[in-house]
């Protein structure tokens, strides 16, 4: 039962990580165009396809980093209460923001991406 509870807990945090990745992509890419012509419909289709193909691996990477942080640090330091959920949420948002800063640095400053 303890293992099932931990798996469901990490599944919940995986969903939160994917939502954080999609929010980050929404900030980077902006909103899709209004569908007024066939070109805009094609653009929106490609936009949504890129959104999924980039957002899911990015969310998976955020999840992997969060699970490693949780297993090796947070679980030992925090008790299971309401405040620990906020600490874990801020850790998830911090990982997402950190990846955003690294992406900005690699894309704009170093011009690698």
C-alpha atoms as a PDB file:
ATOM      1  CA  UNK A   1       0.000   0.000   0.000  1.00  0.00           C
ATOM      2  CA  UNK A   2       2.891   2.332   0.761  1.00  0.00           C
ATOM      3  CA  UNK A   3       4.374   1.785  -2.708  1.00  0.00           C
ATOM      4  CA  UNK A   4       1.028   2.463  -4.411  1.00  0.00           C
ATOM      5  CA  UNK A   5       0.631   5.676  -2.429  1.00  0.00           C
ATOM      6  CA  UNK A   6       4.118   6.828  -3.461  1.00  0.00           C
ATOM      7  CA  UNK A   7       3.450   5.992  -7.126  1.00  0.00           C
ATOM      8  CA  UNK A   8       0.177   7.942  -7.086  1.00  0.00           C
ATOM      9  CA  UNK A   9       1.936  10.837  -5.351  1.00  0.00           C
ATOM     10  CA  UNK A  10       4.617  10.973  -8.039  1.00  0.00           C
ATOM     11  CA  UNK A  11       1.966  10.647 -10.752  1.00  0.00           C
ATOM     12  CA  UNK A  12       0.274  13.734  -9.321  1.00  0.00           C
ATOM     13  CA  UNK A  13       3.567  15.637  -9.317  1.00  0.00           C
ATOM     14  CA  UNK A  14       4.237  14.460 -12.881  1.00  0.00           C
ATOM     15  CA  UNK A  15       0.959  16.026 -13.993  1.00  0.00           C
ATOM     16  CA  UNK A  16       1.924  19.245 -12.193  1.00  0.00           C
ATOM     17  CA  UNK A  17       5.346  19.193 -13.917  1.00  0.00           C
ATOM     18  CA  UNK A  18       3.802  18.760 -17.358  1.00  0.00           C
ATOM     19  CA  UNK A  19       1.425  21.650 -16.641  1.00  0.00           C
ATOM     20  CA  UNK A  20       4.405  23.790 -15.572  1.00  0.00           C
ATOM     21  CA  UNK A  21       6.201  22.890 -18.806  1.00  0.00           C
ATOM     22  CA  UNK A  22       3.126  23.790 -20.862  1.00  0.00           C
ATOM     23  CA  UNK A  23       2.846  27.115 -18.995  1.00  0.00           C
ATOM     24  CA  UNK A  24       6.510  27.818 -19.730  1.00  0.00           C
ATOM     25  CA  UNK A  25       5.967  27.042 -23.409  1.00  0.00           C
ATOM     26  CA  UNK A  26       2.920  29.287 -23.461  1.00  0.00           C
ATOM     27  CA  UNK A  27       5.078  32.127 -22.156  1.00  0.00           C
ATOM     28  CA  UNK A  28       7.800  31.430 -24.735  1.00  0.00           C
ATOM     29  CA  UNK A  29       5.618  30.757 -27.788  1.00  0.00           C
ATOM     30  CA  UNK A  30       2.643  32.973 -27.010  1.00  0.00           C
ATOM     31  CA  UNK A  31      -0.958  32.279 -27.883  1.00  0.00           C
ATOM     32  CA  UNK A  32      -1.933  30.650 -31.189  1.00  0.00           C
ATOM     33  CA  UNK A  33      -3.433  32.735 -33.997  1.00  0.00           C
ATOM     34  CA  UNK A  34      -7.138  33.057 -34.623  1.00  0.00           C
ATOM     35  CA  UNK A  35      -8.352  30.607 -37.257  1.00  0.00           C
ATOM     36  CA  UNK A  36      -9.451  32.940 -40.043  1.00  0.00           C
ATOM     37  CA  UNK A  37      -7.812  31.292 -43.041  1.00  0.00           C
ATOM     38  CA  UNK A  38      -6.423  27.918 -44.026  1.00  0.00           C
ATOM     39  CA  UNK A  39      -2.892  29.189 -43.372  1.00  0.00           C
ATOM     40  CA  UNK A  40      -3.785  30.064 -39.768  1.00  0.00           C
ATOM     41  CA  UNK A  41      -5.401  26.639 -39.332  1.00  0.00           C
ATOM     42  CA  UNK A  42      -2.227  24.984 -40.606  1.00  0.00           C
ATOM     43  CA  UNK A  43      -0.102  27.197 -38.368  1.00  0.00           C
ATOM     44  CA  UNK A  44      -2.253  26.344 -35.328  1.00  0.00           C
ATOM     45  CA  UNK A  45      -1.980  22.637 -36.120  1.00  0.00           C
ATOM     46  CA  UNK A  46       1.825  22.892 -36.250  1.00  0.00           C
ATOM     47  CA  UNK A  47       1.798  25.076 -33.134  1.00  0.00           C
ATOM     48  CA  UNK A  48      -0.196  22.487 -31.190  1.00  0.00           C
ATOM     49  CA  UNK A  49       2.001  19.677 -32.491  1.00  0.00           C
ATOM     50  CA  UNK A  50       5.158  21.496 -31.395  1.00  0.00           C
ATOM     51  CA  UNK A  51       3.510  22.330 -28.088  1.00  0.00           C
ATOM     52  CA  UNK A  52       2.971  18.634 -27.353  1.00  0.00           C
ATOM     53  CA  UNK A  53       6.280  17.374 -28.769  1.00  0.00           C
ATOM     54  CA  UNK A  54       8.292  19.877 -26.763  1.00  0.00           C
ATOM     55  CA  UNK A  55       6.091  20.142 -23.676  1.00  0.00           C
ATOM     56  CA  UNK A  56       5.916  16.463 -22.815  1.00  0.00           C
ATOM     57  CA  UNK A  57       9.699  15.797 -22.814  1.00  0.00           C
ATOM     58  CA  UNK A  58      10.265  19.071 -20.959  1.00  0.00           C
ATOM     59  CA  UNK A  59       7.670  18.059 -18.375  1.00  0.00           C
ATOM     60  CA  UNK A  60       9.309  14.651 -18.119  1.00  0.00           C
ATOM     61  CA  UNK A  61      12.679  16.248 -17.503  1.00  0.00           C
ATOM     62  CA  UNK A  62      11.222  18.522 -14.813  1.00  0.00           C
ATOM     63  CA  UNK A  63       9.586  15.454 -13.263  1.00  0.00           C
ATOM     64  CA  UNK A  64      12.856  13.530 -13.274  1.00  0.00           C
ATOM     65  CA  UNK A  65      14.686  16.387 -11.565  1.00  0.00           C
ATOM     66  CA  UNK A  66      11.878  16.794  -9.041  1.00  0.00           C
ATOM     67  CA  UNK A  67      11.760  13.094  -8.173  1.00  0.00           C
ATOM     68  CA  UNK A  68      15.525  13.032  -7.670  1.00  0.00           C
ATOM     69  CA  UNK A  69      15.286  16.104  -5.437  1.00  0.00           C
ATOM     70  CA  UNK A  70      12.384  14.592  -3.519  1.00  0.00           C
ATOM     71  CA  UNK A  71      13.963  11.177  -3.023  1.00  0.00           C
ATOM     72  CA  UNK A  72      17.389  12.417  -1.990  1.00  0.00           C
ATOM     73  CA  UNK A  73      16.537  15.606  -0.079  1.00  0.00           C
ATOM     74  CA  UNK A  74      12.931  16.679   0.474  1.00  0.00           C
ATOM     75  CA  UNK A  75      11.552  13.409   1.833  1.00  0.00           C
ATOM     76  CA  UNK A  76      14.229  13.359   4.527  1.00  0.00           C
ATOM     77  CA  UNK A  77      13.798  17.004   5.517  1.00  0.00           C
ATOM     78  CA  UNK A  78       9.998  17.457   5.372  1.00  0.00           C
ATOM     79  CA  UNK A  79       7.185  15.853   7.285  1.00  0.00           C
ATOM     80  CA  UNK A  80       3.949  14.887   5.537  1.00  0.00           C
ATOM     81  CA  UNK A  81       1.746  17.898   6.240  1.00  0.00           C
ATOM     82  CA  UNK A  82       0.117  20.795   4.433  1.00  0.00           C
ATOM     83  CA  UNK A  83       3.217  23.029   4.473  1.00  0.00           C
ATOM     84  CA  UNK A  84       5.353  20.365   2.820  1.00  0.00           C
ATOM     85  CA  UNK A  85       3.024  20.372  -0.210  1.00  0.00           C
ATOM     86  CA  UNK A  86       3.720  24.076  -0.709  1.00  0.00           C
ATOM     87  CA  UNK A  87       7.469  23.509  -0.343  1.00  0.00           C
ATOM     88  CA  UNK A  88       7.275  20.745  -2.939  1.00  0.00           C
ATOM     89  CA  UNK A  89       5.210  22.956  -5.270  1.00  0.00           C
ATOM     90  CA  UNK A  90       7.728  25.783  -4.954  1.00  0.00           C
ATOM     91  CA  UNK A  91      10.530  23.289  -5.600  1.00  0.00           C
ATOM     92  CA  UNK A  92       8.744  22.218  -8.793  1.00  0.00           C
ATOM     93  CA  UNK A  93       8.264  25.840  -9.865  1.00  0.00           C
ATOM     94  CA  UNK A  94      11.896  26.569  -9.005  1.00  0.00           C
ATOM     95  CA  UNK A  95      13.091  23.705 -11.187  1.00  0.00           C
ATOM     96  CA  UNK A  96      10.902  24.944 -14.045  1.00  0.00           C
ATOM     97  CA  UNK A  97      12.151  28.518 -13.648  1.00  0.00           C
ATOM     98  CA  UNK A  98      15.730  27.283 -13.447  1.00  0.00           C
ATOM     99  CA  UNK A  99      15.310  25.394 -16.705  1.00  0.00           C
ATOM    100  CA  UNK A 100      13.782  28.521 -18.225  1.00  0.00           C
ATOM    101  CA  UNK A 101      16.781  30.599 -17.183  1.00  0.00           C
ATOM    102  CA  UNK A 102      19.174  27.979 -18.572  1.00  0.00           C
ATOM    103  CA  UNK A 103      17.201  27.910 -21.833  1.00  0.00           C
ATOM    104  CA  UNK A 104      17.265  31.716 -22.093  1.00  0.00           C
ATOM    105  CA  UNK A 105      20.995  31.788 -21.348  1.00  0.00           C
ATOM    106  CA  UNK A 106      21.743  29.135 -23.984  1.00  0.00           C
ATOM    107  CA  UNK A 107      19.483  30.703 -26.597  1.00  0.00           C
ATOM    108  CA  UNK A 108      20.085  34.432 -26.198  1.00  0.00           C
ATOM    109  CA  UNK A 109      23.449  34.841 -24.504  1.00  0.00           C
ATOM    110  CA  UNK A 110      25.587  31.992 -25.832  1.00  0.00           C
ATOM    111  CA  UNK A 111      23.494  31.449 -29.011  1.00  0.00           C
ATOM    112  CA  UNK A 112      23.798  27.662 -28.926  1.00  0.00           C
ATOM    113  CA  UNK A 113      20.125  26.848 -29.443  1.00  0.00           C
END
